[in-house]
Amino acid sequence: MALLPWMPRIESQPTTVFAQLREQGLPFPIVQLNYRLSPSQPFPTPVHDVLRGYDWIKEHLFPKRALALPGRPQRNARLAVCGELLGGGLAAMLALTECRVGQPGIVAAALSNPMVDWVDLNGESAKTERMASAPIGSNAAANALSTEIQSLRSKLFRKPEHYFDPFASPMLFLRSAGGAIPSAPPDVPIDDMEHLTQLNREEFRSVTEPVQEEAKPLRKTSKRYPSPLLGLRLPAFHIHAGKSSSLLSGQAEEFVLRLRQAHVRQAGEQDFGRKVLDEDEIDDMSESEKSEIAQREVEARKKAQLSVSQDLGLWDSSAEGRARVAEMARWVSDALR
């Protein structure tokens, strides 16, 4: 299943990518989900379209459950998603939410330069040395890409609260945003309920906060996702990024790190019945128990893989881009076996 990007001027030919996937001879159906996304159809429209498309796939392509026969194992339908740029963010959202234990769902996600965090577009999580190590001449393209993405946010989200939604910024499933939701621009209309809430909030502040202190910056803290109560099992991820875009590669690297932490935490919950042990508790464990934790971290690295190239790393029609599509197809095929 391919979730492919829409982005003006830097679009990487989604039809070509879909055709390349079909050329790989994968032994299962491939579906391209089209979604609406434009200034006149902003978020959350693409989220709703992708979820409706996923429901259609479950209804029409997943095998129907037959009566369970004693002694005969049953295997649920398994799905992989792939996507690039904006489509990569939508694929990540789907993978993190449609992976229920014991039910048909997503078990693997292959992403290229996914946009998983619309909140932090200043590249605070990116390392400056990425730009220094990028090939000569690639920084201009990377800067243009970052500028394009920042200008897109104001066009594709009518209100800041929409890009603070984890379904639009899947990174926020795994950690906090690191900042408060700013007020909507004055020219953005609000409904009566929102207006009443805003007035109540302002009245409360005027009564309880006579002295305004300088706000302290919020930290980006990890979240315990998925909660055991949700009944989710995180799928495997293979993410590719290009070094020449510090914004996208920074997001990809942090997303992989957060995914690995989540995989370790989920494995720890299965073993200990709660979240991952803290450092003091680990120090008190036996060597065999410490070895189990180290092995769990190794397994997490396998379940959340990251590959990085020197260029933008897109799934385009270049020789390098076609090679990346072929690599992604092989990984997806192995993950679905």
C-alpha atoms as a PDB file:
ATOM      1  CA  MET A   1       0.000   0.000   0.000  1.00  0.00           C
ATOM      2  CA  ALA A   2       1.508   3.302  -0.998  1.00  0.00           C
ATOM      3  CA  LEU A   3       0.761   6.611   0.660  1.00  0.00           C
ATOM      4  CA  LEU A   4       2.469   9.085  -1.586  1.00  0.00           C
ATOM      5  CA  PRO A   5       3.174  12.791  -1.252  1.00  0.00           C
ATOM      6  CA  TRP A   6       1.591  15.980  -2.417  1.00  0.00           C
ATOM      7  CA  MET A   7       3.801  19.020  -2.280  1.00  0.00           C
ATOM      8  CA  PRO A   8       4.023  21.902  -4.778  1.00  0.00           C
ATOM      9  CA  ARG A   9       7.242  22.314  -6.759  1.00  0.00           C
ATOM     10  CA  ILE A  10       9.074  19.617  -4.820  1.00  0.00           C
ATOM     11  CA  GLU A  11       6.682  16.791  -5.620  1.00  0.00           C
ATOM     12  CA  SER A  12       8.582  13.585  -6.339  1.00  0.00           C
ATOM     13  CA  GLN A  13       6.308  12.147  -9.019  1.00  0.00           C
ATOM     14  CA  PRO A  14       4.034   9.856  -6.961  1.00  0.00           C
ATOM     15  CA  THR A  15       2.740   8.075 -10.062  1.00  0.00           C
ATOM     16  CA  THR A  16       6.309   7.183 -10.977  1.00  0.00           C
ATOM     17  CA  VAL A  17       6.956   5.809  -7.484  1.00  0.00           C
ATOM     18  CA  PHE A  18       3.766   3.749  -7.634  1.00  0.00           C
ATOM     19  CA  ALA A  19       4.815   2.382 -11.027  1.00  0.00           C
ATOM     20  CA  GLN A  20       8.263   1.538  -9.672  1.00  0.00           C
ATOM     21  CA  LEU A  21       6.684  -0.386  -6.815  1.00  0.00           C
ATOM     22  CA  ARG A  22       4.604  -2.407  -9.254  1.00  0.00           C
ATOM     23  CA  GLU A  23       7.750  -3.154 -11.273  1.00  0.00           C
ATOM     24  CA  GLN A  24       9.333  -4.818  -8.251  1.00  0.00           C
ATOM     25  CA  GLY A  25       7.091  -7.868  -8.673  1.00  0.00           C
ATOM     26  CA  LEU A  26       5.888  -7.870  -5.076  1.00  0.00           C
ATOM     27  CA  PRO A  27       3.678 -10.899  -4.350  1.00  0.00           C
ATOM     28  CA  PHE A  28       0.763  -8.942  -2.904  1.00  0.00           C
ATOM     29  CA  PRO A  29      -1.664  -6.198  -3.992  1.00  0.00           C
ATOM     30  CA  ILE A  30      -0.426  -2.591  -3.997  1.00  0.00           C
ATOM     31  CA  VAL A  31      -2.903   0.216  -3.420  1.00  0.00           C
ATOM     32  CA  GLN A  32      -2.274   3.915  -3.887  1.00  0.00           C
ATOM     33  CA  LEU A  33      -4.350   6.085  -1.589  1.00  0.00           C
ATOM     34  CA  ASN A  34      -5.154   9.494  -2.995  1.00  0.00           C
ATOM     35  CA  TYR A  35      -5.991  12.246  -0.559  1.00  0.00           C
ATOM     36  CA  ARG A  36      -7.004  15.880  -0.803  1.00  0.00           C
ATOM     37  CA  LEU A  37      -4.608  18.514   0.478  1.00  0.00           C
ATOM     38  CA  SER A  38      -4.501  22.123  -0.636  1.00  0.00           C
ATOM     39  CA  PRO A  39      -5.076  25.580   0.855  1.00  0.00           C
ATOM     40  CA  SER A  40      -8.793  25.116   0.169  1.00  0.00           C
ATOM     41  CA  GLN A  41      -8.758  21.585   1.661  1.00  0.00           C
ATOM     42  CA  PRO A  42      -6.282  21.811   4.551  1.00  0.00           C
ATOM     43  CA  PHE A  43      -5.675  19.497   7.482  1.00  0.00           C
ATOM     44  CA  PRO A  44      -7.394  17.471   8.823  1.00  0.00           C
ATOM     45  CA  THR A  45      -8.884  16.675   5.372  1.00  0.00           C
ATOM     46  CA  PRO A  46      -5.992  14.373   4.294  1.00  0.00           C
ATOM     47  CA  VAL A  47      -6.132  12.524   7.616  1.00  0.00           C
ATOM     48  CA  HIS A  48      -9.827  11.823   7.120  1.00  0.00           C
ATOM     49  CA  ASP A  49      -9.243  10.737   3.506  1.00  0.00           C
ATOM     50  CA  VAL A  50      -6.466   8.323   4.463  1.00  0.00           C
ATOM     51  CA  LEU A  51      -8.514   6.801   7.285  1.00  0.00           C
ATOM     52  CA  ARG A  52     -11.464   6.350   4.938  1.00  0.00           C
ATOM     53  CA  GLY A  53      -9.163   4.749   2.381  1.00  0.00           C
ATOM     54  CA  TYR A  54      -7.806   2.394   5.012  1.00  0.00           C
ATOM     55  CA  ASP A  55     -11.352   1.417   6.001  1.00  0.00           C
ATOM     56  CA  TRP A  56     -12.080   0.700   2.321  1.00  0.00           C
ATOM     57  CA  ILE A  57      -9.027  -1.576   2.132  1.00  0.00           C
ATOM     58  CA  LYS A  58     -10.106  -3.465   5.236  1.00  0.00           C
ATOM     59  CA  GLU A  59     -13.608  -3.892   3.823  1.00  0.00           C
ATOM     60  CA  HIS A  60     -12.680  -4.945   0.285  1.00  0.00           C
ATOM     61  CA  LEU A  61      -9.161  -6.391   0.316  1.00  0.00           C
ATOM     62  CA  PHE A  62      -8.693  -8.034   3.691  1.00  0.00           C
ATOM     63  CA  PRO A  63      -9.730 -11.701   3.672  1.00  0.00           C
ATOM     64  CA  LYS A  64     -13.004 -12.390   5.390  1.00  0.00           C
ATOM     65  CA  ARG A  65     -12.746 -14.298   8.634  1.00  0.00           C
ATOM     66  CA  ALA A  66     -14.068 -17.813   8.400  1.00  0.00           C
ATOM     67  CA  LEU A  67     -15.300 -19.955  11.264  1.00  0.00           C
ATOM     68  CA  ALA A  68     -12.408 -20.897  13.529  1.00  0.00           C
ATOM     69  CA  LEU A  69     -11.659 -24.615  13.441  1.00  0.00           C
ATOM     70  CA  PRO A  70     -10.100 -26.310  16.468  1.00  0.00           C
ATOM     71  CA  GLY A  71      -6.398 -26.995  16.018  1.00  0.00           C
ATOM     72  CA  ARG A  72      -6.111 -24.858  12.872  1.00  0.00           C
ATOM     73  CA  PRO A  73      -4.095 -21.646  13.295  1.00  0.00           C
ATOM     74  CA  GLN A  74      -5.555 -18.387  12.063  1.00  0.00           C
ATOM     75  CA  ARG A  75      -3.451 -15.583  10.669  1.00  0.00           C
ATOM     76  CA  ASN A  76      -4.680 -12.028  10.536  1.00  0.00           C
ATOM     77  CA  ALA A  77      -4.270  -9.899   7.427  1.00  0.00           C
ATOM     78  CA  ARG A  78      -0.986  -8.010   7.477  1.00  0.00           C
ATOM     79  CA  LEU A  79      -0.457  -4.653   5.822  1.00  0.00           C
ATOM     80  CA  ALA A  80       2.569  -2.465   5.090  1.00  0.00           C
ATOM     81  CA  VAL A  81       2.386   1.249   4.374  1.00  0.00           C
ATOM     82  CA  CYS A  82       4.905   3.444   2.619  1.00  0.00           C
ATOM     83  CA  GLY A  83       5.037   7.148   2.015  1.00  0.00           C
ATOM     84  CA  GLU A  84       7.295  10.103   1.374  1.00  0.00           C
ATOM     85  CA  LEU A  85       7.315  13.689   2.684  1.00  0.00           C
ATOM     86  CA  LEU A  86       3.716  14.626   3.551  1.00  0.00           C
ATOM     87  CA  GLY A  87       2.575  11.143   2.573  1.00  0.00           C
ATOM     88  CA  GLY A  88       5.262   9.768   4.875  1.00  0.00           C
ATOM     89  CA  GLY A  89       3.731  11.636   7.795  1.00  0.00           C
ATOM     90  CA  LEU A  90       0.285  10.258   6.961  1.00  0.00           C
ATOM     91  CA  ALA A  91       1.705   6.741   6.640  1.00  0.00           C
ATOM     92  CA  ALA A  92       3.414   7.128  10.030  1.00  0.00           C
ATOM     93  CA  MET A  93       0.124   8.264  11.572  1.00  0.00           C
ATOM     94  CA  LEU A  94      -1.662   5.238  10.168  1.00  0.00           C
ATOM     95  CA  ALA A  95       1.064   2.821  11.276  1.00  0.00           C
ATOM     96  CA  LEU A  96       1.060   4.128  14.857  1.00  0.00           C
ATOM     97  CA  THR A  97      -2.710   3.889  15.251  1.00  0.00           C
ATOM     98  CA  GLU A  98      -3.851   0.901  13.143  1.00  0.00           C
ATOM     99  CA  CYS A  99      -1.748  -1.860  14.723  1.00  0.00           C
ATOM    100  CA  ARG A 100      -4.095  -3.581  17.144  1.00  0.00           C
ATOM    101  CA  VAL A 101      -3.024  -6.845  18.736  1.00  0.00           C
ATOM    102  CA  GLY A 102      -4.917  -9.861  17.416  1.00  0.00           C
ATOM    103  CA  GLN A 103      -6.607  -7.935  14.598  1.00  0.00           C
ATOM    104  CA  PRO A 104      -5.811  -7.333  10.929  1.00  0.00           C
ATOM    105  CA  GLY A 105      -3.631  -4.265  10.625  1.00  0.00           C
ATOM    106  CA  ILE A 106      -0.304  -2.658   9.880  1.00  0.00           C
ATOM    107  CA  VAL A 107       2.888  -4.516  10.731  1.00  0.00           C
ATOM    108  CA  ALA A 108       5.449  -2.494   8.747  1.00  0.00           C
ATOM    109  CA  ALA A 109       5.994   1.071   7.527  1.00  0.00           C
ATOM    110  CA  ALA A 110       8.603   2.250   5.009  1.00  0.00           C
ATOM    111  CA  LEU A 111       9.019   6.018   4.966  1.00  0.00           C
ATOM    112  CA  SER A 112      11.205   8.485   3.097  1.00  0.00           C
ATOM    113  CA  ASN A 113      11.844  11.921   4.605  1.00  0.00           C
ATOM    114  CA  PRO A 114       8.524  11.836   6.475  1.00  0.00           C
ATOM    115  CA  MET A 115       7.048  15.093   7.747  1.00  0.00           C
ATOM    116  CA  VAL A 116       6.214  13.939  11.260  1.00  0.00           C
ATOM    117  CA  ASP A 117       6.447  17.223  13.170  1.00  0.00           C
ATOM    118  CA  TRP A 118       4.774  20.388  11.898  1.00  0.00           C
ATOM    119  CA  VAL A 119       5.310  22.133  15.247  1.00  0.00           C
ATOM    120  CA  ASP A 120       9.104  22.411  15.196  1.00  0.00           C
ATOM    121  CA  LEU A 121      10.045  23.757  11.780  1.00  0.00           C
ATOM    122  CA  ASN A 122      13.140  25.566  13.019  1.00  0.00           C
ATOM    123  CA  GLY A 123      15.152  22.362  13.002  1.00  0.00           C
ATOM    124  CA  GLU A 124      15.865  22.513  16.734  1.00  0.00           C
ATOM    125  CA  SER A 125      16.212  18.739  16.821  1.00  0.00           C
ATOM    126  CA  ALA A 126      18.584  18.753  13.844  1.00  0.00           C
ATOM    127  CA  LYS A 127      22.340  18.883  14.200  1.00  0.00           C
ATOM    128  CA  THR A 128      24.177  21.704  12.498  1.00  0.00           C
ATOM    129  CA  GLU A 129      26.961  19.438  11.330  1.00  0.00           C
ATOM    130  CA  ARG A 130      24.578  17.790   8.853  1.00  0.00           C
ATOM    131  CA  MET A 131      24.671  20.888   6.711  1.00  0.00           C
ATOM    132  CA  ALA A 132      28.432  21.093   6.939  1.00  0.00           C
ATOM    133  CA  SER A 133      28.818  17.483   5.808  1.00  0.00           C
ATOM    134  CA  ALA A 134      26.350  17.779   2.912  1.00  0.00           C
ATOM    135  CA  PRO A 135      27.688  17.678  -0.656  1.00  0.00           C
ATOM    136  CA  ILE A 136      28.642  20.988  -2.229  1.00  0.00           C
ATOM    137  CA  GLY A 137      25.686  22.556  -3.995  1.00  0.00           C
ATOM    138  CA  SER A 138      23.084  20.591  -2.027  1.00  0.00           C
ATOM    139  CA  ASN A 139      22.610  23.168   0.740  1.00  0.00           C
ATOM    140  CA  ALA A 140      20.784  25.528  -1.616  1.00  0.00           C
ATOM    141  CA  ALA A 141      18.256  22.806  -2.465  1.00  0.00           C
ATOM    142  CA  ALA A 142      17.917  21.901   1.203  1.00  0.00           C
ATOM    143  CA  ASN A 143      17.332  25.518   2.208  1.00  0.00           C
ATOM    144  CA  ALA A 144      14.720  25.874  -0.513  1.00  0.00           C
ATOM    145  CA  LEU A 145      13.008  22.716   0.750  1.00  0.00           C
ATOM    146  CA  SER A 146      12.947  23.960   4.351  1.00  0.00           C
ATOM    147  CA  THR A 147      11.605  27.346   3.265  1.00  0.00           C
ATOM    148  CA  GLU A 148       8.947  25.607   1.183  1.00  0.00           C
ATOM    149  CA  ILE A 149       7.833  23.484   4.117  1.00  0.00           C
ATOM    150  CA  GLN A 150       7.592  26.456   6.472  1.00  0.00           C
ATOM    151  CA  SER A 151       5.490  28.408   3.994  1.00  0.00           C
ATOM    152  CA  LEU A 152       3.265  25.374   3.495  1.00  0.00           C
ATOM    153  CA  ARG A 153       2.271  25.218   7.138  1.00  0.00           C
ATOM    154  CA  SER A 154       0.427  28.528   7.036  1.00  0.00           C
ATOM    155  CA  LYS A 155      -1.399  27.371   3.904  1.00  0.00           C
ATOM    156  CA  LEU A 156      -2.252  23.826   4.957  1.00  0.00           C
ATOM    157  CA  PHE A 157      -3.333  24.469   8.556  1.00  0.00           C
ATOM    158  CA  ARG A 158      -6.012  27.018   9.375  1.00  0.00           C
ATOM    159  CA  LYS A 159      -5.319  26.964  13.101  1.00  0.00           C
ATOM    160  CA  PRO A 160      -2.184  26.106  15.120  1.00  0.00           C
ATOM    161  CA  GLU A 161      -4.128  23.505  17.091  1.00  0.00           C
ATOM    162  CA  HIS A 162      -4.473  21.505  13.875  1.00  0.00           C
ATOM    163  CA  TYR A 163      -0.722  20.960  13.491  1.00  0.00           C
ATOM    164  CA  PHE A 164      -0.408  20.237  17.225  1.00  0.00           C
ATOM    165  CA  ASP A 165      -2.691  17.244  16.610  1.00  0.00           C
ATOM    166  CA  PRO A 166      -0.677  13.963  16.676  1.00  0.00           C
ATOM    167  CA  PHE A 167      -2.645  12.753  13.650  1.00  0.00           C
ATOM    168  CA  ALA A 168      -1.033  15.593  11.681  1.00  0.00           C
ATOM    169  CA  SER A 169       2.302  15.518  13.562  1.00  0.00           C
ATOM    170  CA  PRO A 170       2.836  11.829  14.481  1.00  0.00           C
ATOM    171  CA  MET A 171       5.993  12.695  16.457  1.00  0.00           C
ATOM    172  CA  LEU A 172       3.609  13.985  19.121  1.00  0.00           C
ATOM    173  CA  PHE A 173       2.309  10.483  19.753  1.00  0.00           C
ATOM    174  CA  LEU A 174       5.781   9.726  21.118  1.00  0.00           C
ATOM    175  CA  ARG A 175       6.754  12.984  22.838  1.00  0.00           C
ATOM    176  CA  SER A 176       5.324  16.301  23.935  1.00  0.00           C
ATOM    177  CA  ALA A 177       5.342  19.279  21.587  1.00  0.00           C
ATOM    178  CA  GLY A 178       7.780  21.300  23.670  1.00  0.00           C
ATOM    179  CA  GLY A 179       5.615  24.410  23.504  1.00  0.00           C
ATOM    180  CA  ALA A 180       2.133  25.770  24.037  1.00  0.00           C
ATOM    181  CA  ILE A 181      -0.373  26.040  21.206  1.00  0.00           C
ATOM    182  CA  PRO A 182      -0.255  29.634  19.919  1.00  0.00           C
ATOM    183  CA  SER A 183      -3.395  31.636  19.311  1.00  0.00           C
ATOM    184  CA  ALA A 184      -4.991  31.462  15.907  1.00  0.00           C
ATOM    185  CA  PRO A 185      -4.438  34.428  13.581  1.00  0.00           C
ATOM    186  CA  PRO A 186      -7.057  37.165  14.041  1.00  0.00           C
ATOM    187  CA  ASP A 187      -8.427  36.658  10.530  1.00  0.00           C
ATOM    188  CA  VAL A 188      -9.276  32.992  11.209  1.00  0.00           C
ATOM    189  CA  PRO A 189     -12.966  32.638  12.083  1.00  0.00           C
ATOM    190  CA  ILE A 190     -13.891  30.757  15.260  1.00  0.00           C
ATOM    191  CA  ASP A 191     -17.205  29.232  16.206  1.00  0.00           C
ATOM    192  CA  ASP A 192     -19.328  30.279  19.176  1.00  0.00           C
ATOM    193  CA  MET A 193     -18.002  27.593  21.484  1.00  0.00           C
ATOM    194  CA  GLU A 194     -14.381  28.474  20.760  1.00  0.00           C
ATOM    195  CA  HIS A 195     -15.137  32.166  21.298  1.00  0.00           C
ATOM    196  CA  LEU A 196     -16.802  31.442  24.648  1.00  0.00           C
ATOM    197  CA  THR A 197     -13.874  29.284  25.731  1.00  0.00           C
ATOM    198  CA  GLN A 198     -11.430  32.022  24.782  1.00  0.00           C
ATOM    199  CA  LEU A 199     -13.364  34.638  26.780  1.00  0.00           C
ATOM    200  CA  ASN A 200     -13.521  32.369  29.830  1.00  0.00           C
ATOM    201  CA  ARG A 201      -9.801  31.706  29.592  1.00  0.00           C
ATOM    202  CA  GLU A 202      -8.996  35.414  29.389  1.00  0.00           C
ATOM    203  CA  GLU A 203     -11.279  36.187  32.344  1.00  0.00           C
ATOM    204  CA  PHE A 204      -9.675  33.430  34.403  1.00  0.00           C
ATOM    205  CA  ARG A 205      -6.202  34.766  33.656  1.00  0.00           C
ATOM    206  CA  SER A 206      -7.202  38.316  34.596  1.00  0.00           C
ATOM    207  CA  VAL A 207      -8.451  37.116  37.991  1.00  0.00           C
ATOM    208  CA  THR A 208      -5.821  34.540  38.922  1.00  0.00           C
ATOM    209  CA  GLU A 209      -2.703  35.978  37.285  1.00  0.00           C
ATOM    210  CA  PRO A 210      -2.356  39.630  38.312  1.00  0.00           C
ATOM    211  CA  VAL A 211       1.424  39.449  37.926  1.00  0.00           C
ATOM    212  CA  GLN A 212       2.595  38.131  34.577  1.00  0.00           C
ATOM    213  CA  GLU A 213       5.876  36.255  34.829  1.00  0.00           C
ATOM    214  CA  GLU A 214       8.051  35.342  31.933  1.00  0.00           C
ATOM    215  CA  ALA A 215       7.017  31.942  30.611  1.00  0.00           C
ATOM    216  CA  LYS A 216       9.602  29.203  30.850  1.00  0.00           C
ATOM    217  CA  PRO A 217      10.234  27.112  27.733  1.00  0.00           C
ATOM    218  CA  LEU A 218       8.619  23.692  27.853  1.00  0.00           C
ATOM    219  CA  ARG A 219      10.718  20.572  27.464  1.00  0.00           C
ATOM    220  CA  LYS A 220      10.130  17.881  24.886  1.00  0.00           C
ATOM    221  CA  THR A 221       9.469  14.850  27.054  1.00  0.00           C
ATOM    222  CA  SER A 222       8.818  11.274  26.009  1.00  0.00           C
ATOM    223  CA  LYS A 223       5.310   9.883  26.178  1.00  0.00           C
ATOM    224  CA  ARG A 224       4.333   6.398  27.209  1.00  0.00           C
ATOM    225  CA  TYR A 225       2.915   5.411  23.845  1.00  0.00           C
ATOM    226  CA  PRO A 226       1.218   3.173  23.159  1.00  0.00           C
ATOM    227  CA  SER A 227      -0.494   2.706  26.498  1.00  0.00           C
ATOM    228  CA  PRO A 228      -1.123  -0.970  27.328  1.00  0.00           C
ATOM    229  CA  LEU A 229      -4.815  -0.081  27.551  1.00  0.00           C
ATOM    230  CA  LEU A 230      -4.910   0.695  23.820  1.00  0.00           C
ATOM    231  CA  GLY A 231      -4.056  -2.860  22.807  1.00  0.00           C
ATOM    232  CA  LEU A 232      -1.554  -1.746  20.142  1.00  0.00           C
ATOM    233  CA  ARG A 233       1.677  -3.394  19.047  1.00  0.00           C
ATOM    234  CA  LEU A 234       4.096  -1.084  17.286  1.00  0.00           C
ATOM    235  CA  PRO A 235       4.955  -2.134  13.710  1.00  0.00           C
ATOM    236  CA  ALA A 236       8.441  -2.260  12.264  1.00  0.00           C
ATOM    237  CA  PHE A 237       9.728   0.928  10.622  1.00  0.00           C
ATOM    238  CA  HIS A 238      12.299   1.512   7.889  1.00  0.00           C
ATOM    239  CA  ILE A 239      12.989   5.214   7.424  1.00  0.00           C
ATOM    240  CA  HIS A 240      15.239   6.860   4.861  1.00  0.00           C
ATOM    241  CA  ALA A 241      16.465  10.454   5.053  1.00  0.00           C
ATOM    242  CA  GLY A 242      18.782  12.720   3.118  1.00  0.00           C
ATOM    243  CA  LYS A 243      21.592  14.519   4.901  1.00  0.00           C
ATOM    244  CA  SER A 244      21.317  17.597   2.747  1.00  0.00           C
ATOM    245  CA  SER A 245      18.041  18.601   4.452  1.00  0.00           C
ATOM    246  CA  SER A 246      18.763  19.213   8.126  1.00  0.00           C
ATOM    247  CA  LEU A 247      15.061  19.716   8.839  1.00  0.00           C
ATOM    248  CA  LEU A 248      13.863  16.420   7.357  1.00  0.00           C
ATOM    249  CA  SER A 249      16.860  14.354   8.437  1.00  0.00           C
ATOM    250  CA  GLY A 250      16.605  15.796  11.935  1.00  0.00           C
ATOM    251  CA  GLN A 251      12.968  14.779  12.148  1.00  0.00           C
ATOM    252  CA  ALA A 252      13.744  11.309  10.791  1.00  0.00           C
ATOM    253  CA  GLU A 253      16.560  10.730  13.277  1.00  0.00           C
ATOM    254  CA  GLU A 254      14.512  11.863  16.261  1.00  0.00           C
ATOM    255  CA  PHE A 255      11.482   9.858  15.110  1.00  0.00           C
ATOM    256  CA  VAL A 256      13.583   6.691  14.880  1.00  0.00           C
ATOM    257  CA  LEU A 257      15.042   7.370  18.337  1.00  0.00           C
ATOM    258  CA  ARG A 258      11.580   7.826  19.821  1.00  0.00           C
ATOM    259  CA  LEU A 259      10.330   4.683  18.078  1.00  0.00           C
ATOM    260  CA  ARG A 260      13.209   2.651  19.503  1.00  0.00           C
ATOM    261  CA  GLN A 261      12.446   3.953  22.985  1.00  0.00           C
ATOM    262  CA  ALA A 262       8.799   3.022  22.498  1.00  0.00           C
ATOM    263  CA  HIS A 263       9.718  -0.491  21.320  1.00  0.00           C
ATOM    264  CA  VAL A 264      11.975  -1.001  24.354  1.00  0.00           C
ATOM    265  CA  ARG A 265       9.265   0.361  26.642  1.00  0.00           C
ATOM    266  CA  GLN A 266       6.610  -1.909  25.128  1.00  0.00           C
ATOM    267  CA  ALA A 267       8.842  -4.964  25.484  1.00  0.00           C
ATOM    268  CA  GLY A 268       9.522  -3.950  29.084  1.00  0.00           C
ATOM    269  CA  GLU A 269       5.815  -3.717  29.796  1.00  0.00           C
ATOM    270  CA  GLN A 270       5.383  -7.266  28.576  1.00  0.00           C
ATOM    271  CA  ASP A 271       8.157  -8.448  30.901  1.00  0.00           C
ATOM    272  CA  PHE A 272       7.662  -6.212  33.923  1.00  0.00           C
ATOM    273  CA  GLY A 273       4.005  -5.244  33.585  1.00  0.00           C
ATOM    274  CA  ARG A 274       4.816  -1.527  33.508  1.00  0.00           C
ATOM    275  CA  LYS A 275       7.058   1.020  31.835  1.00  0.00           C
ATOM    276  CA  VAL A 276      10.802   0.590  31.349  1.00  0.00           C
ATOM    277  CA  LEU A 277      12.818   0.395  34.550  1.00  0.00           C
ATOM    278  CA  ASP A 278      14.771   3.482  35.572  1.00  0.00           C
ATOM    279  CA  GLU A 279      18.571   3.561  35.879  1.00  0.00           C
ATOM    280  CA  ASP A 280      18.647   2.898  39.641  1.00  0.00           C
ATOM    281  CA  GLU A 281      16.478  -0.184  39.220  1.00  0.00           C
ATOM    282  CA  ILE A 282      18.645  -1.425  36.365  1.00  0.00           C
ATOM    283  CA  ASP A 283      21.773  -1.030  38.513  1.00  0.00           C
ATOM    284  CA  ASP A 284      20.233  -3.348  41.098  1.00  0.00           C
ATOM    285  CA  MET A 285      19.493  -6.061  38.537  1.00  0.00           C
ATOM    286  CA  SER A 286      21.544  -9.170  37.955  1.00  0.00           C
ATOM    287  CA  GLU A 287      23.894  -9.467  34.993  1.00  0.00           C
ATOM    288  CA  SER A 288      21.504 -11.804  33.198  1.00  0.00           C
ATOM    289  CA  GLU A 289      18.656  -9.308  33.593  1.00  0.00           C
ATOM    290  CA  LYS A 290      20.880  -6.482  32.316  1.00  0.00           C
ATOM    291  CA  SER A 291      21.758  -8.669  29.351  1.00  0.00           C
ATOM    292  CA  GLU A 292      18.067  -9.102  28.586  1.00  0.00           C
ATOM    293  CA  ILE A 293      17.590  -5.333  28.565  1.00  0.00           C
ATOM    294  CA  ALA A 294      20.567  -4.881  26.252  1.00  0.00           C
ATOM    295  CA  GLN A 295      19.114  -7.515  23.927  1.00  0.00           C
ATOM    296  CA  ARG A 296      15.809  -5.693  23.979  1.00  0.00           C
ATOM    297  CA  GLU A 297      17.566  -2.528  22.798  1.00  0.00           C
ATOM    298  CA  VAL A 298      19.203  -4.479  19.965  1.00  0.00           C
ATOM    299  CA  GLU A 299      15.806  -5.783  18.880  1.00  0.00           C
ATOM    300  CA  ALA A 300      14.402  -2.250  19.003  1.00  0.00           C
ATOM    301  CA  ARG A 301      17.095  -1.074  16.575  1.00  0.00           C
ATOM    302  CA  LYS A 302      15.984  -3.806  14.170  1.00  0.00           C
ATOM    303  CA  LYS A 303      12.355  -2.734  14.461  1.00  0.00           C
ATOM    304  CA  ALA A 304      13.122   0.940  13.841  1.00  0.00           C
ATOM    305  CA  GLN A 305      15.794   1.207  11.157  1.00  0.00           C
ATOM    306  CA  LEU A 306      17.286   4.379   9.690  1.00  0.00           C
ATOM    307  CA  SER A 307      19.295   4.783   6.490  1.00  0.00           C
ATOM    308  CA  VAL A 308      20.787   8.091   5.414  1.00  0.00           C
ATOM    309  CA  SER A 309      22.079   9.275   2.038  1.00  0.00           C
ATOM    310  CA  GLN A 310      24.142  12.344   1.185  1.00  0.00           C
ATOM    311  CA  ASP A 311      21.517  13.911  -1.095  1.00  0.00           C
ATOM    312  CA  LEU A 312      17.873  14.721  -0.373  1.00  0.00           C
ATOM    313  CA  GLY A 313      17.138  11.003  -0.450  1.00  0.00           C
ATOM    314  CA  LEU A 314      13.861  11.182  -2.362  1.00  0.00           C
ATOM    315  CA  TRP A 315      12.072   8.351  -4.154  1.00  0.00           C
ATOM    316  CA  ASP A 316      12.466  10.047  -7.529  1.00  0.00           C
ATOM    317  CA  SER A 317      13.164   8.756 -11.036  1.00  0.00           C
ATOM    318  CA  SER A 318      16.944   9.124 -10.743  1.00  0.00           C
ATOM    319  CA  ALA A 319      19.132   6.033 -10.537  1.00  0.00           C
ATOM    320  CA  GLU A 320      19.649   6.649  -6.821  1.00  0.00           C
ATOM    321  CA  GLY A 321      15.934   7.199  -6.284  1.00  0.00           C
ATOM    322  CA  ARG A 322      14.999   3.998  -8.097  1.00  0.00           C
ATOM    323  CA  ALA A 323      17.557   2.093  -6.027  1.00  0.00           C
ATOM    324  CA  ARG A 324      15.964   3.435  -2.851  1.00  0.00           C
ATOM    325  CA  VAL A 325      12.516   2.303  -4.037  1.00  0.00           C
ATOM    326  CA  ALA A 326      13.903  -1.161  -4.763  1.00  0.00           C
ATOM    327  CA  GLU A 327      15.482  -1.295  -1.292  1.00  0.00           C
ATOM    328  CA  MET A 328      12.185  -0.258   0.281  1.00  0.00           C
ATOM    329  CA  ALA A 329      10.290  -2.909  -1.688  1.00  0.00           C
ATOM    330  CA  ARG A 330      12.677  -5.661  -0.528  1.00  0.00           C
ATOM    331  CA  TRP A 331      12.310  -4.568   3.079  1.00  0.00           C
ATOM    332  CA  VAL A 332       8.499  -4.496   2.834  1.00  0.00           C
ATOM    333  CA  SER A 333       8.438  -7.945   1.233  1.00  0.00           C
ATOM    334  CA  ASP A 334      10.570  -9.392   4.051  1.00  0.00           C
ATOM    335  CA  ALA A 335       8.456  -7.676   6.711  1.00  0.00           C
ATOM    336  CA  LEU A 336       5.235  -9.194   5.347  1.00  0.00           C
ATOM    337  CA  ARG A 337       6.500 -12.737   5.271  1.00  0.00           C
END
